[in-house]
Each structure stands twice: as structure tokens, then as C-alpha cells.
C-alpha atoms as a PDB file:
ATOM      1  CA  MET A   1      52.286 -29.817 -66.160  1.00  0.00           C
ATOM      2  CA  SER A   2      52.991 -29.614 -62.460  1.00  0.00           C
ATOM      3  CA  GLY A   3      52.315 -32.335 -59.931  1.00  0.00           C
ATOM      4  CA  SER A   4      49.262 -30.629 -58.473  1.00  0.00           C
ATOM      5  CA  THR A   5      47.694 -30.244 -61.917  1.00  0.00           C
ATOM      6  CA  LYS A   6      48.288 -33.918 -62.682  1.00  0.00           C
ATOM      7  CA  THR A   7      46.719 -34.828 -59.345  1.00  0.00           C
ATOM      8  CA  MET A   8      43.680 -32.683 -60.115  1.00  0.00           C
ATOM      9  CA  GLY A   9      43.418 -34.337 -63.526  1.00  0.00           C
ATOM     10  CA  MET A  10      43.456 -37.802 -61.976  1.00  0.00           C
ATOM     11  CA  LEU A  11      40.904 -36.695 -59.373  1.00  0.00           C
ATOM     12  CA  THR A  12      38.656 -35.334 -62.129  1.00  0.00           C
ATOM     13  CA  VAL A  13      38.824 -38.608 -64.075  1.00  0.00           C
ATOM     14  CA  ALA A  14      38.159 -40.629 -60.903  1.00  0.00           C
ATOM     15  CA  ALA A  15      35.185 -38.396 -60.109  1.00  0.00           C
ATOM     16  CA  LEU A  16      33.842 -38.926 -63.635  1.00  0.00           C
ATOM     17  CA  VAL A  17      34.035 -42.690 -63.174  1.00  0.00           C
ATOM     18  CA  ALA A  18      32.332 -42.451 -59.771  1.00  0.00           C
ATOM     19  CA  VAL A  19      29.527 -40.180 -61.012  1.00  0.00           C
ATOM     20  CA  THR A  20      28.963 -42.422 -64.038  1.00  0.00           C
ATOM     21  CA  ALA A  21      28.810 -45.527 -61.833  1.00  0.00           C
ATOM     22  CA  TYR A  22      26.356 -43.769 -59.498  1.00  0.00           C
ATOM     23  CA  THR A  23      24.196 -42.772 -62.455  1.00  0.00           C
ATOM     24  CA  VAL A  24      24.132 -46.324 -63.811  1.00  0.00           C
ATOM     25  CA  ALA A  25      23.396 -47.881 -60.417  1.00  0.00           C
ATOM     26  CA  LEU A  26      21.004 -45.406 -58.825  1.00  0.00           C
ATOM     27  CA  GLY A  27      19.893 -42.965 -61.501  1.00  0.00           C
ATOM     28  CA  SER A  28      21.046 -39.540 -62.550  1.00  0.00           C
ATOM     29  CA  SER A  29      21.743 -36.770 -60.084  1.00  0.00           C
ATOM     30  CA  GLY A  30      22.011 -33.292 -61.535  1.00  0.00           C
ATOM     31  CA  TRP A  31      24.013 -32.011 -58.562  1.00  0.00           C
ATOM     32  CA  LEU A  32      26.676 -34.695 -58.999  1.00  0.00           C
ATOM     33  CA  TRP A  33      27.068 -33.872 -62.682  1.00  0.00           C
ATOM     34  CA  PHE A  34      27.135 -30.156 -61.880  1.00  0.00           C
ATOM     35  CA  GLY A  35      29.862 -30.786 -59.294  1.00  0.00           C
ATOM     36  CA  TRP A  36      31.865 -32.797 -61.794  1.00  0.00           C
ATOM     37  CA  VAL A  37      31.602 -30.028 -64.405  1.00  0.00           C
ATOM     38  CA  VAL A  38      32.798 -27.463 -61.855  1.00  0.00           C
ATOM     39  CA  LEU A  39      35.711 -29.752 -60.906  1.00  0.00           C
ATOM     40  CA  GLY A  40      36.581 -30.162 -64.579  1.00  0.00           C
ATOM     41  CA  LEU A  41      36.536 -26.410 -65.157  1.00  0.00           C
ATOM     42  CA  ILE A  42      38.801 -25.852 -62.158  1.00  0.00           C
ATOM     43  CA  THR A  43      41.196 -28.484 -63.493  1.00  0.00           C
ATOM     44  CA  LEU A  44      41.216 -26.868 -66.942  1.00  0.00           C
ATOM     45  CA  GLY A  45      41.838 -23.488 -65.337  1.00  0.00           C
ATOM     46  CA  MET A  46      44.770 -24.856 -63.375  1.00  0.00           C
ATOM     47  CA  ALA A  47      46.238 -26.440 -66.501  1.00  0.00           C
ATOM     48  CA  ALA A  48      45.839 -23.203 -68.476  1.00  0.00           C
ATOM     49  CA  THR A  49      47.507 -21.050 -65.820  1.00  0.00           C
ATOM     50  CA  ARG A  50      50.405 -23.465 -65.326  1.00  0.00           C
ATOM     51  CA  GLU A  51      51.235 -23.572 -69.044  1.00  0.00           C
ATOM     52  CA  SER A  52      51.479 -19.806 -69.503  1.00  0.00           C
END
């Protein structure tokens, strides 16, 4: 895995923690979860293209 993919992975995990904390503190926001899913899919796509 390249450095940029690892960075995206760490960013995705940090975003998950932030969105979860926001949800616990202030209530759920569909747009935040949607954004996190999109970020996760981009990260998975980067990982898949780097491995092949």
C-alpha cells in the first residue's frame, strides 16, 4: 500500500470517529454519514487500484 493510500485510510478512520462523536453529541446527520460512505468508497477504490 502506498503512502497516499495509507493517509486516506487514516483520514477515513478519523472521519468515522468524528461523525460518530457528532452523532452521539448532537444527533444523526444523514449528509455526514453519506459523506463518510463516499470517502470510504474512494479509499477502497484507491486501495484496489494500487494493489493491481
